[in-house]
Structures are given as structure tokens and as C-alpha cells.
Amino acid sequence: MGLRGPSPVDLGALKLLTTQWACLLFGLRDGHPDLLQRLVWQPWNQTGVRIGIAGRIGFARIVSARGKEPEKVILIHEQWVAEMTRGSEGQSESFAQQPVRHIQEVITLPESSQFGSSGSLYFPPISFKPELWEQLKHPRSMKDTKQTINSIFRWMRDVSDVFETYRLPEGQEAELYRATRLWNYPKDKERPTSDNKRIEFFAKALAGLMLGISPATATKRLSHWKLLQLWKVLD
């Protein structure tokens, strides 16, 4: 059975999967640090103590519009505070940490970035593997694409059990291989933002393929939808 073309699609599911894939692909290229890696130390105070603070967004819940209530996203922030005390002469510094706190933040989504349905998104810490991202962008054959996708799925299982069920339908690696030849694939290598746009393109294509939708249809249906990087700590 071929992939769906212009037939009706579940846009809410497509947008949720696209956002999840975008988080994964940005992590594949750049990584998403854990709390320890994000720890920022303040200067020592007069009592010989300094505080370290780290924060990240680990989870998001999309809540669809109800009545007069607009569509919202509930972000779950992870916050970690550590304390270091200078040791007296001949003694090492001591380190203490507080339990990780989970803080809820509710944001109203702009109309251009709404999902149209409810759902959950997971943003775990990720160790980057930029070589896989380069292989995904520059396959030499359909066989190369299949090998790269299999490697990415193995990497995803190491990231979190949440992604254990992520799979492409059998034989759809060929669709992904051909996707870079579509007219709307970002090809400009000179612009600094082009690689980010390629991540968004592949996120839409992979989300579509998981739902049985061709990359051409998935990218077209989401062409006016603005993807928000909800996993980024908002300043």
C-alpha cells in the first residue's frame, strides 16, 4: 500500500510527532545537556560558600482549546541547586545538593504554533552524534539511508525507553532518501539558518512517514505552521 498523498491527515498527531522529532534531531546534531552539564556557579560569598543553579525543560503537555480557553502548553521545568563550601586549611571543599524540583509553567500558544489537539512531549538529556545527522542529510544510496535510520533508532533507544516504539513502516526509507530532492528541501548551504531548516524538514518528513503520510504531503500541510522549540529554557 502506498503512502497517503493529499487525503485527510491527523494534523494534531503530525504536529506533535514533528515537534518530538525536531527535539531529537537538534539533539542528534548539538546534544541537550543534563542538569549537571548545565550547572552554573555563582561567585563565592564572604562565608566561603557558593551556589550552583541548573535548569532545563524535561516535559511538555499540550492542552487543546476548550470553550473560551485558548490552547496552552504546560512546561515542566527541572531545577537543581547545589552548594559548595570552602574547606579549612588542608581540607577539601564540601559539596551538597538539593533534590531536583519540578516547576510548572503554563504558556498560551500563539495561533501560528497551535497543535489543535492534546498530547505529551518528552525532552530528555541527549548525547550528540553529529556524524549521524550528516549521514542523514547526505545519503549515497537508499541502502545508506536505511543504515543511517537504523543507527538513529538505536541511538534513540539509548536516549530513552519512550522512543522504543518509534519505527518507520517497512520499506519507507526510500521515501526519506528521495525527500531531499523535493522542491521545498532547504538547499542553501551559505545561510547559517539553513541547517536548522533542514532539521525541521526532516522532522516533518519522519513524522509523516510514521503516520503513513508522504514527506511531500507532510511538509506541505505544515508549511504555515511555526514549530516552537519548547524544550529550550526560556529566559
C-alpha atoms as a PDB file:
ATOM      1  CA  MET A   1       0.000   0.000   0.000  1.00  0.00           C
ATOM      2  CA  GLY A   2       1.348   3.424  -0.954  1.00  0.00           C
ATOM      3  CA  LEU A   3       1.604   6.439   1.278  1.00  0.00           C
ATOM      4  CA  ARG A   4      -1.234   8.905   1.580  1.00  0.00           C
ATOM      5  CA  GLY A   5      -0.974  11.927  -0.621  1.00  0.00           C
ATOM      6  CA  PRO A   6      -3.430  14.816  -0.343  1.00  0.00           C
ATOM      7  CA  SER A   7      -6.009  12.764   1.603  1.00  0.00           C
ATOM      8  CA  PRO A   8      -7.080  13.962   5.111  1.00  0.00           C
ATOM      9  CA  VAL A   9      -4.433  13.616   7.808  1.00  0.00           C
ATOM     10  CA  ASP A  10      -4.432  13.957  11.597  1.00  0.00           C
ATOM     11  CA  LEU A  11      -2.732  17.339  11.803  1.00  0.00           C
ATOM     12  CA  GLY A  12      -2.582  17.287  15.598  1.00  0.00           C
ATOM     13  CA  ALA A  13      -0.688  13.997  15.643  1.00  0.00           C
ATOM     14  CA  LEU A  14       1.564  15.192  12.814  1.00  0.00           C
ATOM     15  CA  LYS A  15       2.475  18.383  14.695  1.00  0.00           C
ATOM     16  CA  LEU A  16       3.175  16.537  17.945  1.00  0.00           C
ATOM     17  CA  LEU A  17       5.408  13.987  16.234  1.00  0.00           C
ATOM     18  CA  THR A  18       7.159  16.730  14.268  1.00  0.00           C
ATOM     19  CA  THR A  19       7.992  18.608  17.482  1.00  0.00           C
ATOM     20  CA  GLN A  20       9.270  15.414  19.109  1.00  0.00           C
ATOM     21  CA  TRP A  21      11.405  14.593  16.092  1.00  0.00           C
ATOM     22  CA  ALA A  22      12.765  18.158  15.948  1.00  0.00           C
ATOM     23  CA  CYS A  23      13.903  17.863  19.565  1.00  0.00           C
ATOM     24  CA  LEU A  24      15.594  14.562  18.771  1.00  0.00           C
ATOM     25  CA  LEU A  25      17.300  15.802  15.612  1.00  0.00           C
ATOM     26  CA  PHE A  26      18.562  19.006  17.241  1.00  0.00           C
ATOM     27  CA  GLY A  27      19.878  16.746  19.988  1.00  0.00           C
ATOM     28  CA  LEU A  28      21.445  14.426  17.437  1.00  0.00           C
ATOM     29  CA  ARG A  29      23.362  17.372  15.967  1.00  0.00           C
ATOM     30  CA  ASP A  30      24.038  19.509  19.052  1.00  0.00           C
ATOM     31  CA  GLY A  31      23.109  17.494  22.149  1.00  0.00           C
ATOM     32  CA  HIS A  32      20.807  18.509  25.009  1.00  0.00           C
ATOM     33  CA  PRO A  33      22.820  18.864  28.257  1.00  0.00           C
ATOM     34  CA  ASP A  34      21.670  17.275  31.512  1.00  0.00           C
ATOM     35  CA  LEU A  35      21.380  19.230  34.765  1.00  0.00           C
ATOM     36  CA  LEU A  36      24.977  18.609  35.819  1.00  0.00           C
ATOM     37  CA  GLN A  37      26.240  19.929  32.489  1.00  0.00           C
ATOM     38  CA  ARG A  38      24.013  22.998  32.855  1.00  0.00           C
ATOM     39  CA  LEU A  39      25.183  23.820  36.377  1.00  0.00           C
ATOM     40  CA  VAL A  40      26.258  27.471  36.626  1.00  0.00           C
ATOM     41  CA  TRP A  41      28.187  28.532  39.730  1.00  0.00           C
ATOM     42  CA  GLN A  42      27.774  31.915  41.358  1.00  0.00           C
ATOM     43  CA  PRO A  43      30.794  33.713  42.903  1.00  0.00           C
ATOM     44  CA  TRP A  44      31.997  32.751  46.361  1.00  0.00           C
ATOM     45  CA  ASN A  45      30.324  34.738  49.113  1.00  0.00           C
ATOM     46  CA  GLN A  46      32.031  36.134  52.231  1.00  0.00           C
ATOM     47  CA  THR A  47      31.328  32.971  54.230  1.00  0.00           C
ATOM     48  CA  GLY A  48      33.148  30.746  51.761  1.00  0.00           C
ATOM     49  CA  VAL A  49      30.039  29.327  50.112  1.00  0.00           C
ATOM     50  CA  ARG A  50      28.922  29.439  46.520  1.00  0.00           C
ATOM     51  CA  ILE A  51      25.682  28.280  44.945  1.00  0.00           C
ATOM     52  CA  GLY A  52      25.234  26.461  41.640  1.00  0.00           C
ATOM     53  CA  ILE A  53      21.919  26.505  39.794  1.00  0.00           C
ATOM     54  CA  ALA A  54      20.823  24.429  36.805  1.00  0.00           C
ATOM     55  CA  GLY A  55      17.557  24.243  34.936  1.00  0.00           C
ATOM     56  CA  ARG A  56      16.052  22.539  31.919  1.00  0.00           C
ATOM     57  CA  ILE A  57      12.652  21.669  30.493  1.00  0.00           C
ATOM     58  CA  GLY A  58      12.020  17.943  30.602  1.00  0.00           C
ATOM     59  CA  PHE A  59       8.389  17.550  29.634  1.00  0.00           C
ATOM     60  CA  ALA A  60       5.548  19.392  27.929  1.00  0.00           C
ATOM     61  CA  ARG A  61       1.838  18.731  27.897  1.00  0.00           C
ATOM     62  CA  ILE A  62      -0.260  20.316  25.161  1.00  0.00           C
ATOM     63  CA  VAL A  63      -3.790  21.163  26.322  1.00  0.00           C
ATOM     64  CA  SER A  64      -6.176  21.844  23.445  1.00  0.00           C
ATOM     65  CA  ALA A  65      -8.560  24.788  23.448  1.00  0.00           C
ATOM     66  CA  ARG A  66     -11.820  24.337  25.344  1.00  0.00           C
ATOM     67  CA  GLY A  67     -14.624  26.822  25.037  1.00  0.00           C
ATOM     68  CA  LYS A  68     -13.133  30.259  25.612  1.00  0.00           C
ATOM     69  CA  GLU A  69      -9.902  28.787  26.977  1.00  0.00           C
ATOM     70  CA  PRO A  70      -7.126  29.051  24.366  1.00  0.00           C
ATOM     71  CA  GLU A  71      -4.705  26.245  23.599  1.00  0.00           C
ATOM     72  CA  LYS A  72      -1.905  26.064  26.152  1.00  0.00           C
ATOM     73  CA  VAL A  73       1.278  24.188  26.885  1.00  0.00           C
ATOM     74  CA  ILE A  74       2.277  23.100  30.368  1.00  0.00           C
ATOM     75  CA  LEU A  75       6.060  23.042  30.644  1.00  0.00           C
ATOM     76  CA  ILE A  76       7.700  21.070  33.432  1.00  0.00           C
ATOM     77  CA  HIS A  77      10.975  22.695  34.449  1.00  0.00           C
ATOM     78  CA  GLU A  78      13.592  20.697  36.307  1.00  0.00           C
ATOM     79  CA  GLN A  79      15.553  22.888  38.708  1.00  0.00           C
ATOM     80  CA  TRP A  80      18.601  21.765  40.653  1.00  0.00           C
ATOM     81  CA  VAL A  81      20.511  23.728  43.300  1.00  0.00           C
ATOM     82  CA  ALA A  82      23.929  22.711  44.639  1.00  0.00           C
ATOM     83  CA  GLU A  83      26.143  24.271  47.279  1.00  0.00           C
ATOM     84  CA  MET A  84      29.917  24.192  47.635  1.00  0.00           C
ATOM     85  CA  THR A  85      31.725  25.188  50.822  1.00  0.00           C
ATOM     86  CA  ARG A  86      35.429  26.029  51.010  1.00  0.00           C
ATOM     87  CA  GLY A  87      37.365  23.713  53.275  1.00  0.00           C
ATOM     88  CA  SER A  88      39.617  24.979  56.008  1.00  0.00           C
ATOM     89  CA  GLU A  89      43.384  24.758  55.537  1.00  0.00           C
ATOM     90  CA  GLY A  90      44.378  21.286  54.448  1.00  0.00           C
ATOM     91  CA  GLN A  91      40.789  20.170  53.802  1.00  0.00           C
ATOM     92  CA  SER A  92      38.985  19.780  50.530  1.00  0.00           C
ATOM     93  CA  GLU A  93      35.823  21.604  49.525  1.00  0.00           C
ATOM     94  CA  SER A  94      32.496  20.058  50.520  1.00  0.00           C
ATOM     95  CA  PHE A  95      29.604  19.627  48.120  1.00  0.00           C
ATOM     96  CA  ALA A  96      25.898  19.410  48.935  1.00  0.00           C
ATOM     97  CA  GLN A  97      22.890  19.230  46.660  1.00  0.00           C
ATOM     98  CA  GLN A  98      19.166  19.681  46.959  1.00  0.00           C
ATOM     99  CA  PRO A  99      16.616  17.312  45.401  1.00  0.00           C
ATOM    100  CA  VAL A 100      15.567  18.240  41.871  1.00  0.00           C
ATOM    101  CA  ARG A 101      12.490  20.445  41.923  1.00  0.00           C
ATOM    102  CA  HIS A 102       9.788  20.275  39.259  1.00  0.00           C
ATOM    103  CA  ILE A 103       8.194  23.615  38.475  1.00  0.00           C
ATOM    104  CA  GLN A 104       5.148  24.003  36.269  1.00  0.00           C
ATOM    105  CA  GLU A 105       4.808  26.853  33.798  1.00  0.00           C
ATOM    106  CA  VAL A 106       1.687  27.429  31.696  1.00  0.00           C
ATOM    107  CA  ILE A 107       2.011  29.280  28.398  1.00  0.00           C
ATOM    108  CA  THR A 108      -0.682  30.232  25.894  1.00  0.00           C
ATOM    109  CA  LEU A 109       0.427  29.131  22.448  1.00  0.00           C
ATOM    110  CA  PRO A 110       0.325  31.648  19.593  1.00  0.00           C
ATOM    111  CA  GLU A 111      -2.151  30.789  16.874  1.00  0.00           C
ATOM    112  CA  SER A 112       0.630  30.126  14.353  1.00  0.00           C
ATOM    113  CA  SER A 113       2.104  27.379  16.589  1.00  0.00           C
ATOM    114  CA  GLN A 114      -1.005  25.664  17.915  1.00  0.00           C
ATOM    115  CA  PHE A 115      -1.373  21.883  17.666  1.00  0.00           C
ATOM    116  CA  GLY A 116      -5.145  21.531  17.555  1.00  0.00           C
ATOM    117  CA  SER A 117      -5.080  18.555  19.918  1.00  0.00           C
ATOM    118  CA  SER A 118      -3.727  17.463  23.288  1.00  0.00           C
ATOM    119  CA  GLY A 119      -0.611  15.365  23.784  1.00  0.00           C
ATOM    120  CA  SER A 120       2.677  14.894  25.599  1.00  0.00           C
ATOM    121  CA  LEU A 121       6.248  15.642  24.571  1.00  0.00           C
ATOM    122  CA  TYR A 122       9.429  14.353  26.221  1.00  0.00           C
ATOM    123  CA  PHE A 123      12.712  16.257  26.258  1.00  0.00           C
ATOM    124  CA  PRO A 124      15.399  14.024  27.810  1.00  0.00           C
ATOM    125  CA  PRO A 125      19.112  14.867  28.007  1.00  0.00           C
ATOM    126  CA  ILE A 126      20.795  13.768  24.786  1.00  0.00           C
ATOM    127  CA  SER A 127      24.382  12.996  23.836  1.00  0.00           C
ATOM    128  CA  PHE A 128      25.048  14.284  20.350  1.00  0.00           C
ATOM    129  CA  LYS A 129      26.134  12.217  17.352  1.00  0.00           C
ATOM    130  CA  PRO A 130      26.599  14.790  14.586  1.00  0.00           C
ATOM    131  CA  GLU A 131      28.031  12.204  12.191  1.00  0.00           C
ATOM    132  CA  LEU A 132      24.593  10.535  12.008  1.00  0.00           C
ATOM    133  CA  TRP A 133      22.980  13.873  11.203  1.00  0.00           C
ATOM    134  CA  GLU A 134      25.477  14.421   8.374  1.00  0.00           C
ATOM    135  CA  GLN A 135      24.797  10.908   7.052  1.00  0.00           C
ATOM    136  CA  LEU A 136      21.053  11.538   7.107  1.00  0.00           C
ATOM    137  CA  LYS A 137      21.475  14.709   5.018  1.00  0.00           C
ATOM    138  CA  HIS A 138      23.940  13.220   2.534  1.00  0.00           C
ATOM    139  CA  PRO A 139      22.974   9.614   1.724  1.00  0.00           C
ATOM    140  CA  ARG A 140      24.748   7.985  -1.186  1.00  0.00           C
ATOM    141  CA  SER A 141      22.011   5.417  -1.731  1.00  0.00           C
ATOM    142  CA  MET A 142      18.751   4.075  -0.312  1.00  0.00           C
ATOM    143  CA  LYS A 143      20.837   1.434   1.465  1.00  0.00           C
ATOM    144  CA  ASP A 144      22.800   4.225   3.177  1.00  0.00           C
ATOM    145  CA  THR A 145      19.561   5.865   4.293  1.00  0.00           C
ATOM    146  CA  LYS A 146      18.281   2.607   5.766  1.00  0.00           C
ATOM    147  CA  GLN A 147      21.538   2.029   7.664  1.00  0.00           C
ATOM    148  CA  THR A 148      21.517   5.608   8.991  1.00  0.00           C
ATOM    149  CA  ILE A 149      17.883   5.382  10.112  1.00  0.00           C
ATOM    150  CA  ASN A 150      18.589   2.088  11.891  1.00  0.00           C
ATOM    151  CA  SER A 151      21.566   3.704  13.656  1.00  0.00           C
ATOM    152  CA  ILE A 152      19.431   6.690  14.668  1.00  0.00           C
ATOM    153  CA  PHE A 153      16.728   4.418  16.087  1.00  0.00           C
ATOM    154  CA  ARG A 154      19.342   2.520  18.115  1.00  0.00           C
ATOM    155  CA  TRP A 155      20.658   5.858  19.392  1.00  0.00           C
ATOM    156  CA  MET A 156      17.100   6.902  20.303  1.00  0.00           C
ATOM    157  CA  ARG A 157      16.539   3.754  22.356  1.00  0.00           C
ATOM    158  CA  ASP A 158      19.669   4.643  24.327  1.00  0.00           C
ATOM    159  CA  VAL A 159      18.288   8.150  24.870  1.00  0.00           C
ATOM    160  CA  SER A 160      15.019   6.956  26.434  1.00  0.00           C
ATOM    161  CA  ASP A 161      12.679   3.967  26.532  1.00  0.00           C
ATOM    162  CA  VAL A 162       9.947   6.404  25.481  1.00  0.00           C
ATOM    163  CA  PHE A 163      11.187   6.072  21.905  1.00  0.00           C
ATOM    164  CA  GLU A 164      11.312   2.255  21.890  1.00  0.00           C
ATOM    165  CA  THR A 165       8.271   2.055  19.598  1.00  0.00           C
ATOM    166  CA  TYR A 166       9.458   4.641  17.089  1.00  0.00           C
ATOM    167  CA  ARG A 167       9.714   2.947  13.709  1.00  0.00           C
ATOM    168  CA  LEU A 168       9.192   3.730  10.045  1.00  0.00           C
ATOM    169  CA  PRO A 169       6.804   1.492   8.113  1.00  0.00           C
ATOM    170  CA  GLU A 170       8.659  -1.238   6.240  1.00  0.00           C
ATOM    171  CA  GLY A 171      10.253  -0.005   3.031  1.00  0.00           C
ATOM    172  CA  GLN A 172       9.686   3.716   3.616  1.00  0.00           C
ATOM    173  CA  GLU A 173      13.390   4.538   3.821  1.00  0.00           C
ATOM    174  CA  ALA A 174      13.179   5.073   0.061  1.00  0.00           C
ATOM    175  CA  GLU A 175      10.687   7.901   0.613  1.00  0.00           C
ATOM    176  CA  LEU A 176      13.115   9.536   3.019  1.00  0.00           C
ATOM    177  CA  TYR A 177      16.002   9.092   0.577  1.00  0.00           C
ATOM    178  CA  ARG A 178      14.004  10.845  -2.148  1.00  0.00           C
ATOM    179  CA  ALA A 179      12.798  13.600   0.195  1.00  0.00           C
ATOM    180  CA  THR A 180      15.998  15.639  -0.221  1.00  0.00           C
ATOM    181  CA  ARG A 181      15.093  16.003  -3.901  1.00  0.00           C
ATOM    182  CA  LEU A 182      11.774  17.707  -3.152  1.00  0.00           C
ATOM    183  CA  TRP A 183      11.438  21.311  -4.291  1.00  0.00           C
ATOM    184  CA  ASN A 184      10.991  22.599  -0.721  1.00  0.00           C
ATOM    185  CA  TYR A 185      14.064  20.907   0.776  1.00  0.00           C
ATOM    186  CA  PRO A 186      16.355  23.677   2.188  1.00  0.00           C
ATOM    187  CA  LYS A 187      19.427  23.520  -0.038  1.00  0.00           C
ATOM    188  CA  ASP A 188      21.144  26.847   0.633  1.00  0.00           C
ATOM    189  CA  LYS A 189      24.429  25.943   2.348  1.00  0.00           C
ATOM    190  CA  GLU A 190      25.533  29.558   2.753  1.00  0.00           C
ATOM    191  CA  ARG A 191      22.866  30.700   5.214  1.00  0.00           C
ATOM    192  CA  PRO A 192      23.583  29.860   8.872  1.00  0.00           C
ATOM    193  CA  THR A 193      19.898  29.019   9.465  1.00  0.00           C
ATOM    194  CA  SER A 194      19.619  26.557   6.589  1.00  0.00           C
ATOM    195  CA  ASP A 195      20.749  23.573   8.658  1.00  0.00           C
ATOM    196  CA  ASN A 196      18.079  24.323  11.274  1.00  0.00           C
ATOM    197  CA  LYS A 197      15.518  24.408   8.481  1.00  0.00           C
ATOM    198  CA  ARG A 198      16.785  21.026   7.285  1.00  0.00           C
ATOM    199  CA  ILE A 199      16.199  19.641  10.776  1.00  0.00           C
ATOM    200  CA  GLU A 200      12.621  20.948  10.660  1.00  0.00           C
ATOM    201  CA  PHE A 201      12.168  19.452   7.189  1.00  0.00           C
ATOM    202  CA  PHE A 202      13.368  16.005   8.297  1.00  0.00           C
ATOM    203  CA  ALA A 203      11.262  16.243  11.466  1.00  0.00           C
ATOM    204  CA  LYS A 204       8.146  16.787   9.343  1.00  0.00           C
ATOM    205  CA  ALA A 205       9.161  14.060   6.888  1.00  0.00           C
ATOM    206  CA  LEU A 206       9.868  11.460   9.597  1.00  0.00           C
ATOM    207  CA  ALA A 207       6.684  12.343  11.500  1.00  0.00           C
ATOM    208  CA  GLY A 208       4.704  11.971   8.287  1.00  0.00           C
ATOM    209  CA  LEU A 209       6.264   8.623   7.429  1.00  0.00           C
ATOM    210  CA  MET A 210       5.430   7.276  10.899  1.00  0.00           C
ATOM    211  CA  LEU A 211       1.792   8.199  10.192  1.00  0.00           C
ATOM    212  CA  GLY A 212       1.790   6.793   6.660  1.00  0.00           C
ATOM    213  CA  ILE A 213       1.999  10.223   5.026  1.00  0.00           C
ATOM    214  CA  SER A 214       4.473  11.110   2.300  1.00  0.00           C
ATOM    215  CA  PRO A 215       7.190  13.701   3.055  1.00  0.00           C
ATOM    216  CA  ALA A 216       5.782  15.926   0.305  1.00  0.00           C
ATOM    217  CA  THR A 217       2.339  15.955   1.917  1.00  0.00           C
ATOM    218  CA  ALA A 218       3.630  16.300   5.489  1.00  0.00           C
ATOM    219  CA  THR A 219       5.852  19.278   4.680  1.00  0.00           C
ATOM    220  CA  LYS A 220       3.141  20.939   2.609  1.00  0.00           C
ATOM    221  CA  ARG A 221       0.461  20.561   5.288  1.00  0.00           C
ATOM    222  CA  LEU A 222       2.781  22.109   7.892  1.00  0.00           C
ATOM    223  CA  SER A 223       4.213  24.825   5.660  1.00  0.00           C
ATOM    224  CA  HIS A 224       2.346  27.619   7.510  1.00  0.00           C
ATOM    225  CA  TRP A 225       2.769  26.154  10.993  1.00  0.00           C
ATOM    226  CA  LYS A 226       5.578  27.580  13.122  1.00  0.00           C
ATOM    227  CA  LEU A 227       7.444  24.958  15.124  1.00  0.00           C
ATOM    228  CA  LEU A 228       8.393  26.125  18.627  1.00  0.00           C
ATOM    229  CA  GLN A 229      11.454  24.668  20.351  1.00  0.00           C
ATOM    230  CA  LEU A 230       9.552  24.031  23.573  1.00  0.00           C
ATOM    231  CA  TRP A 231      12.479  22.140  25.136  1.00  0.00           C
ATOM    232  CA  LYS A 232      14.600  25.291  25.410  1.00  0.00           C
ATOM    233  CA  VAL A 233      14.786  27.019  28.768  1.00  0.00           C
ATOM    234  CA  LEU A 234      13.001  30.322  28.282  1.00  0.00           C
ATOM    235  CA  ASP A 235      14.836  33.385  29.620  1.00  0.00           C
END
